Amino acid sequence: YLDLGYSKSDIARIAKMFGFIMTVVGSGVCGVLVV
């Protein structure tokens, strides 16, 4: 990400915060799928 030219704040906002939300969504979906 850094070599592509994104700032640390860009990475924090998208790769970390937004990524965190998508990880939680994926976990929730999987919980239903396992059932």
PDB file of all heavy atoms in Angstrom:
ATOM      1  N   TYR A   1       0.823  -1.209   0.000  1.00  0.00           N
ATOM      2  CA  TYR A   1       0.000   0.000   0.000  1.00  0.00           C
ATOM      3  C   TYR A   1       0.861   1.264   0.000  1.00  0.00           C
ATOM      4  O   TYR A   1       0.575   2.229  -0.721  1.00  0.00           O
ATOM      5  CB  TYR A   1      -0.909   0.029   1.238  1.00  0.00           C
ATOM      6  CG  TYR A   1      -1.800  -1.179   1.410  1.00  0.00           C
ATOM      7  CD1 TYR A   1      -2.123  -1.645   2.686  1.00  0.00           C
ATOM      8  CD2 TYR A   1      -2.330  -1.857   0.313  1.00  0.00           C
ATOM      9  CE1 TYR A   1      -2.940  -2.748   2.862  1.00  0.00           C
ATOM     10  CE2 TYR A   1      -3.147  -2.955   0.480  1.00  0.00           C
ATOM     11  CZ  TYR A   1      -3.439  -3.405   1.756  1.00  0.00           C
ATOM     12  OH  TYR A   1      -4.248  -4.494   1.930  1.00  0.00           O
ATOM     13  N   LEU A   2       1.911   1.261   0.816  1.00  0.00           N
ATOM     14  CA  LEU A   2       2.787   2.439   0.886  1.00  0.00           C
ATOM     15  C   LEU A   2       3.510   2.667  -0.434  1.00  0.00           C
ATOM     16  O   LEU A   2       3.670   3.803  -0.885  1.00  0.00           O
ATOM     17  CB  LEU A   2       3.788   2.278   2.030  1.00  0.00           C
ATOM     18  CG  LEU A   2       3.194   2.353   3.449  1.00  0.00           C
ATOM     19  CD1 LEU A   2       4.229   1.920   4.479  1.00  0.00           C
ATOM     20  CD2 LEU A   2       2.690   3.759   3.762  1.00  0.00           C
ATOM     21  N   ASP A   3       3.968   1.587  -1.071  1.00  0.00           N
ATOM     22  CA  ASP A   3       4.676   1.720  -2.346  1.00  0.00           C
ATOM     23  C   ASP A   3       3.746   2.181  -3.461  1.00  0.00           C
ATOM     24  O   ASP A   3       4.193   2.784  -4.452  1.00  0.00           O
ATOM     25  CB  ASP A   3       5.333   0.387  -2.732  1.00  0.00           C
ATOM     26  CG  ASP A   3       6.566   0.088  -1.889  1.00  0.00           C
ATOM     27  OD1 ASP A   3       7.069   1.017  -1.231  1.00  0.00           O
ATOM     28  OD2 ASP A   3       7.031  -1.074  -1.881  1.00  0.00           O
ATOM     29  N   LEU A   4       2.443   1.911  -3.319  1.00  0.00           N
ATOM     30  CA  LEU A   4       1.479   2.403  -4.306  1.00  0.00           C
ATOM     31  C   LEU A   4       1.234   3.903  -4.169  1.00  0.00           C
ATOM     32  O   LEU A   4       0.658   4.522  -5.065  1.00  0.00           O
ATOM     33  CB  LEU A   4       0.143   1.662  -4.168  1.00  0.00           C
ATOM     34  CG  LEU A   4       0.100   0.206  -4.643  1.00  0.00           C
ATOM     35  CD1 LEU A   4      -1.283  -0.392  -4.373  1.00  0.00           C
ATOM     36  CD2 LEU A   4       0.436   0.092  -6.119  1.00  0.00           C
ATOM     37  N   GLY A   5       1.651   4.476  -3.037  1.00  0.00           N
ATOM     38  CA  GLY A   5       1.505   5.914  -2.838  1.00  0.00           C
ATOM     39  C   GLY A   5       0.442   6.322  -1.847  1.00  0.00           C
ATOM     40  O   GLY A   5       0.184   7.517  -1.671  1.00  0.00           O
ATOM     41  N   TYR A   6      -0.198   5.346  -1.173  1.00  0.00           N
ATOM     42  CA  TYR A   6      -1.210   5.682  -0.184  1.00  0.00           C
ATOM     43  C   TYR A   6      -0.531   6.162   1.096  1.00  0.00           C
ATOM     44  O   TYR A   6       0.531   5.671   1.480  1.00  0.00           O
ATOM     45  CB  TYR A   6      -2.092   4.469   0.122  1.00  0.00           C
ATOM     46  CG  TYR A   6      -2.885   3.981  -1.061  1.00  0.00           C
ATOM     47  CD1 TYR A   6      -2.588   2.765  -1.673  1.00  0.00           C
ATOM     48  CD2 TYR A   6      -3.938   4.728  -1.571  1.00  0.00           C
ATOM     49  CE1 TYR A   6      -3.311   2.310  -2.757  1.00  0.00           C
ATOM     50  CE2 TYR A   6      -4.681   4.272  -2.659  1.00  0.00           C
ATOM     51  CZ  TYR A   6      -4.349   3.069  -3.253  1.00  0.00           C
ATOM     52  OH  TYR A   6      -5.068   2.622  -4.332  1.00  0.00           O
ATOM     53  N   SER A   7      -1.155   7.123   1.775  1.00  0.00           N
ATOM     54  CA  SER A   7      -0.626   7.600   3.047  1.00  0.00           C
ATOM     55  C   SER A   7      -1.018   6.634   4.160  1.00  0.00           C
ATOM     56  O   SER A   7      -1.897   5.779   3.996  1.00  0.00           O
ATOM     57  CB  SER A   7      -1.171   8.988   3.367  1.00  0.00           C
ATOM     58  OG  SER A   7      -2.566   8.917   3.658  1.00  0.00           O
ATOM     59  N   LYS A   8      -0.371   6.789   5.304  1.00  0.00           N
ATOM     60  CA  LYS A   8      -0.702   5.940   6.448  1.00  0.00           C
ATOM     61  C   LYS A   8      -2.142   6.165   6.888  1.00  0.00           C
ATOM     62  O   LYS A   8      -2.818   5.233   7.328  1.00  0.00           O
ATOM     63  CB  LYS A   8       0.282   6.213   7.594  1.00  0.00           C
ATOM     64  CG  LYS A   8       1.709   5.779   7.285  1.00  0.00           C
ATOM     65  CD  LYS A   8       2.633   5.954   8.467  1.00  0.00           C
ATOM     66  CE  LYS A   8       2.999   7.419   8.718  1.00  0.00           C
ATOM     67  NZ  LYS A   8       3.809   7.999   7.663  1.00  0.00           N
ATOM     68  N   SER A   9      -2.646   7.381   6.762  1.00  0.00           N
ATOM     69  CA  SER A   9      -4.048   7.650   7.107  1.00  0.00           C
ATOM     70  C   SER A   9      -5.001   6.970   6.132  1.00  0.00           C
ATOM     71  O   SER A   9      -6.067   6.481   6.517  1.00  0.00           O
ATOM     72  CB  SER A   9      -4.306   9.163   7.132  1.00  0.00           C
ATOM     73  OG  SER A   9      -3.588   9.780   8.176  1.00  0.00           O
ATOM     74  N   ASP A  10      -4.636   6.950   4.828  1.00  0.00           N
ATOM     75  CA  ASP A  10      -5.445   6.219   3.842  1.00  0.00           C
ATOM     76  C   ASP A  10      -5.555   4.751   4.225  1.00  0.00           C
ATOM     77  O   ASP A  10      -6.647   4.153   4.189  1.00  0.00           O
ATOM     78  CB  ASP A  10      -4.817   6.330   2.449  1.00  0.00           C
ATOM     79  CG  ASP A  10      -4.916   7.725   1.861  1.00  0.00           C
ATOM     80  OD1 ASP A  10      -5.839   8.464   2.257  1.00  0.00           O
ATOM     81  OD2 ASP A  10      -4.069   8.070   1.009  1.00  0.00           O
ATOM     82  N   ILE A  11      -4.411   4.176   4.578  1.00  0.00           N
ATOM     83  CA  ILE A  11      -4.379   2.761   4.937  1.00  0.00           C
ATOM     84  C   ILE A  11      -5.209   2.519   6.195  1.00  0.00           C
ATOM     85  O   ILE A  11      -5.969   1.550   6.278  1.00  0.00           O
ATOM     86  CB  ILE A  11      -2.926   2.289   5.143  1.00  0.00           C
ATOM     87  CG1 ILE A  11      -2.126   2.474   3.843  1.00  0.00           C
ATOM     88  CG2 ILE A  11      -2.884   0.826   5.571  1.00  0.00           C
ATOM     89  CD1 ILE A  11      -0.637   2.262   4.015  1.00  0.00           C
ATOM     90  N   ALA A  12      -5.068   3.422   7.170  1.00  0.00           N
ATOM     91  CA  ALA A  12      -5.818   3.263   8.414  1.00  0.00           C
ATOM     92  C   ALA A  12      -7.315   3.339   8.167  1.00  0.00           C
ATOM     93  O   ALA A  12      -8.093   2.555   8.714  1.00  0.00           O
ATOM     94  CB  ALA A  12      -5.391   4.338   9.417  1.00  0.00           C
ATOM     95  N   ARG A  13      -7.727   4.297   7.322  1.00  0.00           N
ATOM     96  CA  ARG A  13      -9.152   4.522   7.090  1.00  0.00           C
ATOM     97  C   ARG A  13      -9.791   3.386   6.307  1.00  0.00           C
ATOM     98  O   ARG A  13     -10.902   2.953   6.616  1.00  0.00           O
ATOM     99  CB  ARG A  13      -9.346   5.845   6.355  1.00  0.00           C
ATOM    100  CG  ARG A  13     -10.814   6.230   6.174  1.00  0.00           C
ATOM    101  CD  ARG A  13     -10.966   7.648   5.650  1.00  0.00           C
ATOM    102  NE  ARG A  13     -10.417   7.822   4.306  1.00  0.00           N
ATOM    103  CZ  ARG A  13      -9.267   8.433   4.038  1.00  0.00           C
ATOM    104  NH1 ARG A  13      -8.515   8.920   5.016  1.00  0.00           N
ATOM    105  NH2 ARG A  13      -8.839   8.563   2.787  1.00  0.00           N
ATOM    106  N   ILE A  14      -9.113   2.893   5.297  1.00  0.00           N
ATOM    107  CA  ILE A  14      -9.718   1.892   4.411  1.00  0.00           C
ATOM    108  C   ILE A  14      -9.285   0.474   4.777  1.00  0.00           C
ATOM    109  O   ILE A  14     -10.124  -0.396   5.031  1.00  0.00           O
ATOM    110  CB  ILE A  14      -9.360   2.197   2.942  1.00  0.00           C
ATOM    111  CG1 ILE A  14      -9.984   3.535   2.532  1.00  0.00           C
ATOM    112  CG2 ILE A  14      -9.864   1.074   2.037  1.00  0.00           C
ATOM    113  CD1 ILE A  14      -9.654   3.961   1.128  1.00  0.00           C
ATOM    114  N   ALA A  15      -7.974   0.246   4.818  1.00  0.00           N
ATOM    115  CA  ALA A  15      -7.480  -1.116   5.030  1.00  0.00           C
ATOM    116  C   ALA A  15      -7.743  -1.610   6.442  1.00  0.00           C
ATOM    117  O   ALA A  15      -7.898  -2.810   6.648  1.00  0.00           O
ATOM    118  CB  ALA A  15      -5.985  -1.178   4.730  1.00  0.00           C
ATOM    119  N   LYS A  16      -7.798  -0.700   7.404  1.00  0.00           N
ATOM    120  CA  LYS A  16      -7.977  -1.133   8.780  1.00  0.00           C
ATOM    121  C   LYS A  16      -9.417  -0.967   9.250  1.00  0.00           C
ATOM    122  O   LYS A  16     -10.065  -1.934   9.640  1.00  0.00           O
ATOM    123  CB  LYS A  16      -7.020  -0.357   9.691  1.00  0.00           C
ATOM    124  CG  LYS A  16      -5.547  -0.526   9.319  1.00  0.00           C
ATOM    125  CD  LYS A  16      -5.132  -1.990   9.290  1.00  0.00           C
ATOM    126  CE  LYS A  16      -3.671  -2.155   8.878  1.00  0.00           C
ATOM    127  NZ  LYS A  16      -3.304  -3.569   8.747  1.00  0.00           N
ATOM    128  N   MET A  17      -9.930   0.255   9.228  1.00  0.00           N
ATOM    129  CA  MET A  17     -11.270   0.480   9.769  1.00  0.00           C
ATOM    130  C   MET A  17     -12.348  -0.167   8.907  1.00  0.00           C
ATOM    131  O   MET A  17     -13.195  -0.911   9.395  1.00  0.00           O
ATOM    132  CB  MET A  17     -11.515   1.980   9.912  1.00  0.00           C
ATOM    133  CG  MET A  17     -10.586   2.661  10.911  1.00  0.00           C
ATOM    134  SD  MET A  17     -10.945   4.408  11.167  1.00  0.00           S
ATOM    135  CE  MET A  17     -12.514   4.306  12.021  1.00  0.00           C
ATOM    136  N   PHE A  18     -12.319   0.102   7.591  1.00  0.00           N
ATOM    137  CA  PHE A  18     -13.317  -0.495   6.705  1.00  0.00           C
ATOM    138  C   PHE A  18     -13.092  -1.998   6.615  1.00  0.00           C
ATOM    139  O   PHE A  18     -14.045  -2.781   6.563  1.00  0.00           O
ATOM    140  CB  PHE A  18     -13.233   0.156   5.327  1.00  0.00           C
ATOM    141  CG  PHE A  18     -14.375  -0.199   4.421  1.00  0.00           C
ATOM    142  CD1 PHE A  18     -15.675   0.131   4.759  1.00  0.00           C
ATOM    143  CD2 PHE A  18     -14.148  -0.854   3.224  1.00  0.00           C
ATOM    144  CE1 PHE A  18     -16.735  -0.196   3.929  1.00  0.00           C
ATOM    145  CE2 PHE A  18     -15.198  -1.184   2.381  1.00  0.00           C
ATOM    146  CZ  PHE A  18     -16.488  -0.853   2.734  1.00  0.00           C
ATOM    147  N   GLY A  19     -11.821  -2.397   6.601  1.00  0.00           N
ATOM    148  CA  GLY A  19     -11.510  -3.822   6.583  1.00  0.00           C
ATOM    149  C   GLY A  19     -12.023  -4.525   7.828  1.00  0.00           C
ATOM    150  O   GLY A  19     -12.480  -5.672   7.767  1.00  0.00           O
ATOM    151  N   PHE A  20     -11.953  -3.857   8.970  1.00  0.00           N
ATOM    152  CA  PHE A  20     -12.465  -4.421  10.212  1.00  0.00           C
ATOM    153  C   PHE A  20     -13.961  -4.712  10.092  1.00  0.00           C
ATOM    154  O   PHE A  20     -14.435  -5.782  10.492  1.00  0.00           O
ATOM    155  CB  PHE A  20     -12.203  -3.440  11.357  1.00  0.00           C
ATOM    156  CG  PHE A  20     -12.982  -3.712  12.611  1.00  0.00           C
ATOM    157  CD1 PHE A  20     -12.591  -4.704  13.488  1.00  0.00           C
ATOM    158  CD2 PHE A  20     -14.120  -2.972  12.912  1.00  0.00           C
ATOM    159  CE1 PHE A  20     -13.306  -4.954  14.646  1.00  0.00           C
ATOM    160  CE2 PHE A  20     -14.842  -3.213  14.063  1.00  0.00           C
ATOM    161  CZ  PHE A  20     -14.435  -4.210  14.933  1.00  0.00           C
ATOM    162  N   ILE A  21     -14.713  -3.779   9.535  1.00  0.00           N
ATOM    163  CA  ILE A  21     -16.154  -3.968   9.375  1.00  0.00           C
ATOM    164  C   ILE A  21     -16.440  -5.175   8.483  1.00  0.00           C
ATOM    165  O   ILE A  21     -17.297  -6.017   8.789  1.00  0.00           O
ATOM    166  CB  ILE A  21     -16.804  -2.700   8.793  1.00  0.00           C
ATOM    167  CG1 ILE A  21     -16.668  -1.545   9.790  1.00  0.00           C
ATOM    168  CG2 ILE A  21     -18.273  -2.941   8.453  1.00  0.00           C
ATOM    169  CD1 ILE A  21     -17.112  -0.206   9.234  1.00  0.00           C
ATOM    170  N   MET A  22     -15.704  -5.291   7.381  1.00  0.00           N
ATOM    171  CA  MET A  22     -15.934  -6.400   6.457  1.00  0.00           C
ATOM    172  C   MET A  22     -15.547  -7.736   7.083  1.00  0.00           C
ATOM    173  O   MET A  22     -16.165  -8.768   6.807  1.00  0.00           O
ATOM    174  CB  MET A  22     -15.161  -6.173   5.163  1.00  0.00           C
ATOM    175  CG  MET A  22     -15.591  -4.943   4.376  1.00  0.00           C
ATOM    176  SD  MET A  22     -17.383  -4.908   4.054  1.00  0.00           S
ATOM    177  CE  MET A  22     -17.575  -6.340   2.987  1.00  0.00           C
ATOM    178  N   THR A  23     -14.522  -7.732   7.951  1.00  0.00           N
ATOM    179  CA  THR A  23     -14.157  -8.965   8.631  1.00  0.00           C
ATOM    180  C   THR A  23     -15.266  -9.419   9.562  1.00  0.00           C
ATOM    181  O   THR A  23     -15.603 -10.607   9.632  1.00  0.00           O
ATOM    182  CB  THR A  23     -12.858  -8.764   9.438  1.00  0.00           C
ATOM    183  OG1 THR A  23     -11.799  -8.406   8.552  1.00  0.00           O
ATOM    184  CG2 THR A  23     -12.471 -10.039  10.178  1.00  0.00           C
ATOM    185  N   VAL A  24     -15.862  -8.466  10.294  1.00  0.00           N
ATOM    186  CA  VAL A  24     -16.971  -8.790  11.185  1.00  0.00           C
ATOM    187  C   VAL A  24     -18.165  -9.312  10.383  1.00  0.00           C
ATOM    188  O   VAL A  24     -18.830 -10.284  10.787  1.00  0.00           O
ATOM    189  CB  VAL A  24     -17.365  -7.560  12.024  1.00  0.00           C
ATOM    190  CG1 VAL A  24     -18.637  -7.822  12.812  1.00  0.00           C
ATOM    191  CG2 VAL A  24     -16.231  -7.171  12.965  1.00  0.00           C
ATOM    192  N   VAL A  25     -18.441  -8.687   9.231  1.00  0.00           N
ATOM    193  CA  VAL A  25     -19.530  -9.157   8.367  1.00  0.00           C
ATOM    194  C   VAL A  25     -19.251 -10.590   7.899  1.00  0.00           C
ATOM    195  O   VAL A  25     -20.139 -11.455   7.937  1.00  0.00           O
ATOM    196  CB  VAL A  25     -19.701  -8.218   7.158  1.00  0.00           C
ATOM    197  CG1 VAL A  25     -20.666  -8.829   6.142  1.00  0.00           C
ATOM    198  CG2 VAL A  25     -20.209  -6.857   7.612  1.00  0.00           C
ATOM    199  N   GLY A  26     -18.017 -10.842   7.462  1.00  0.00           N
ATOM    200  CA  GLY A  26     -17.656 -12.186   7.020  1.00  0.00           C
ATOM    201  C   GLY A  26     -17.812 -13.211   8.123  1.00  0.00           C
ATOM    202  O   GLY A  26     -18.299 -14.331   7.887  1.00  0.00           O
ATOM    203  N   SER A  27     -17.416 -12.838   9.345  1.00  0.00           N
ATOM    204  CA  SER A  27     -17.568 -13.746  10.479  1.00  0.00           C
ATOM    205  C   SER A  27     -19.035 -14.041  10.753  1.00  0.00           C
ATOM    206  O   SER A  27     -19.418 -15.188  11.015  1.00  0.00           O
ATOM    207  CB  SER A  27     -16.908 -13.136  11.719  1.00  0.00           C
ATOM    208  OG  SER A  27     -15.518 -12.954  11.521  1.00  0.00           O
ATOM    209  N   GLY A  28     -19.868 -12.990  10.695  1.00  0.00           N
ATOM    210  CA  GLY A  28     -21.293 -13.186  10.926  1.00  0.00           C
ATOM    211  C   GLY A  28     -21.937 -14.074   9.879  1.00  0.00           C
ATOM    212  O   GLY A  28     -22.740 -14.949  10.196  1.00  0.00           O
ATOM    213  N   VAL A  29     -21.578 -13.858   8.621  1.00  0.00           N
ATOM    214  CA  VAL A  29     -22.101 -14.700   7.541  1.00  0.00           C
ATOM    215  C   VAL A  29     -21.687 -16.152   7.747  1.00  0.00           C
ATOM    216  O   VAL A  29     -22.489 -17.080   7.595  1.00  0.00           O
ATOM    217  CB  VAL A  29     -21.601 -14.186   6.178  1.00  0.00           C
ATOM    218  CG1 VAL A  29     -21.897 -15.187   5.071  1.00  0.00           C
ATOM    219  CG2 VAL A  29     -22.240 -12.838   5.853  1.00  0.00           C
ATOM    220  N   CYS A  30     -20.425 -16.348   8.129  1.00  0.00           N
ATOM    221  CA  CYS A  30     -19.936 -17.719   8.309  1.00  0.00           C
ATOM    222  C   CYS A  30     -20.652 -18.408   9.460  1.00  0.00           C
ATOM    223  O   CYS A  30     -20.917 -19.616   9.398  1.00  0.00           O
ATOM    224  CB  CYS A  30     -18.426 -17.706   8.558  1.00  0.00           C
ATOM    225  SG  CYS A  30     -17.708 -19.351   8.644  1.00  0.00           S
ATOM    226  N   GLY A  31     -20.962 -17.654  10.525  1.00  0.00           N
ATOM    227  CA  GLY A  31     -21.694 -18.256  11.629  1.00  0.00           C
ATOM    228  C   GLY A  31     -23.018 -18.839  11.190  1.00  0.00           C
ATOM    229  O   GLY A  31     -23.409 -19.929  11.626  1.00  0.00           O
ATOM    230  N   VAL A  32     -23.719 -18.138  10.291  1.00  0.00           N
ATOM    231  CA  VAL A  32     -24.979 -18.649   9.754  1.00  0.00           C
ATOM    232  C   VAL A  32     -24.729 -19.848   8.852  1.00  0.00           C
ATOM    233  O   VAL A  32     -25.456 -20.852   8.894  1.00  0.00           O
ATOM    234  CB  VAL A  32     -25.721 -17.535   8.992  1.00  0.00           C
ATOM    235  CG1 VAL A  32     -26.992 -18.081   8.356  1.00  0.00           C
ATOM    236  CG2 VAL A  32     -26.047 -16.372   9.919  1.00  0.00           C
ATOM    237  N   LEU A  33     -23.688 -19.758   8.024  1.00  0.00           N
ATOM    238  CA  LEU A  33     -23.385 -20.850   7.095  1.00  0.00           C
ATOM    239  C   LEU A  33     -23.039 -22.143   7.826  1.00  0.00           C
ATOM    240  O   LEU A  33     -23.411 -23.234   7.381  1.00  0.00           O
ATOM    241  CB  LEU A  33     -22.229 -20.444   6.175  1.00  0.00           C
ATOM    242  CG  LEU A  33     -22.510 -19.305   5.182  1.00  0.00           C
ATOM    243  CD1 LEU A  33     -21.275 -19.024   4.341  1.00  0.00           C
ATOM    244  CD2 LEU A  33     -23.701 -19.644   4.293  1.00  0.00           C
ATOM    245  N   VAL A  34     -22.300 -22.015   8.948  1.00  0.00           N
ATOM    246  CA  VAL A  34     -21.952 -23.224   9.700  1.00  0.00           C
ATOM    247  C   VAL A  34     -23.206 -23.904  10.239  1.00  0.00           C
ATOM    248  O   VAL A  34     -23.315 -25.133  10.238  1.00  0.00           O
ATOM    249  CB  VAL A  34     -20.977 -22.865  10.850  1.00  0.00           C
ATOM    250  CG1 VAL A  34     -20.812 -24.049  11.805  1.00  0.00           C
ATOM    251  CG2 VAL A  34     -19.618 -22.457  10.289  1.00  0.00           C
ATOM    252  N   VAL A  35     -24.183 -23.101  10.686  1.00  0.00           N
ATOM    253  CA  VAL A  35     -25.428 -23.666  11.195  1.00  0.00           C
ATOM    254  C   VAL A  35     -26.195 -24.361  10.079  1.00  0.00           C
ATOM    255  O   VAL A  35     -26.728 -25.460  10.253  1.00  0.00           O
ATOM    256  CB  VAL A  35     -26.294 -22.563  11.838  1.00  0.00           C
ATOM    257  CG1 VAL A  35     -27.668 -23.115  12.209  1.00  0.00           C
ATOM    258  CG2 VAL A  35     -25.606 -22.006  13.078  1.00  0.00           C
TER     259      VAL A  35
END
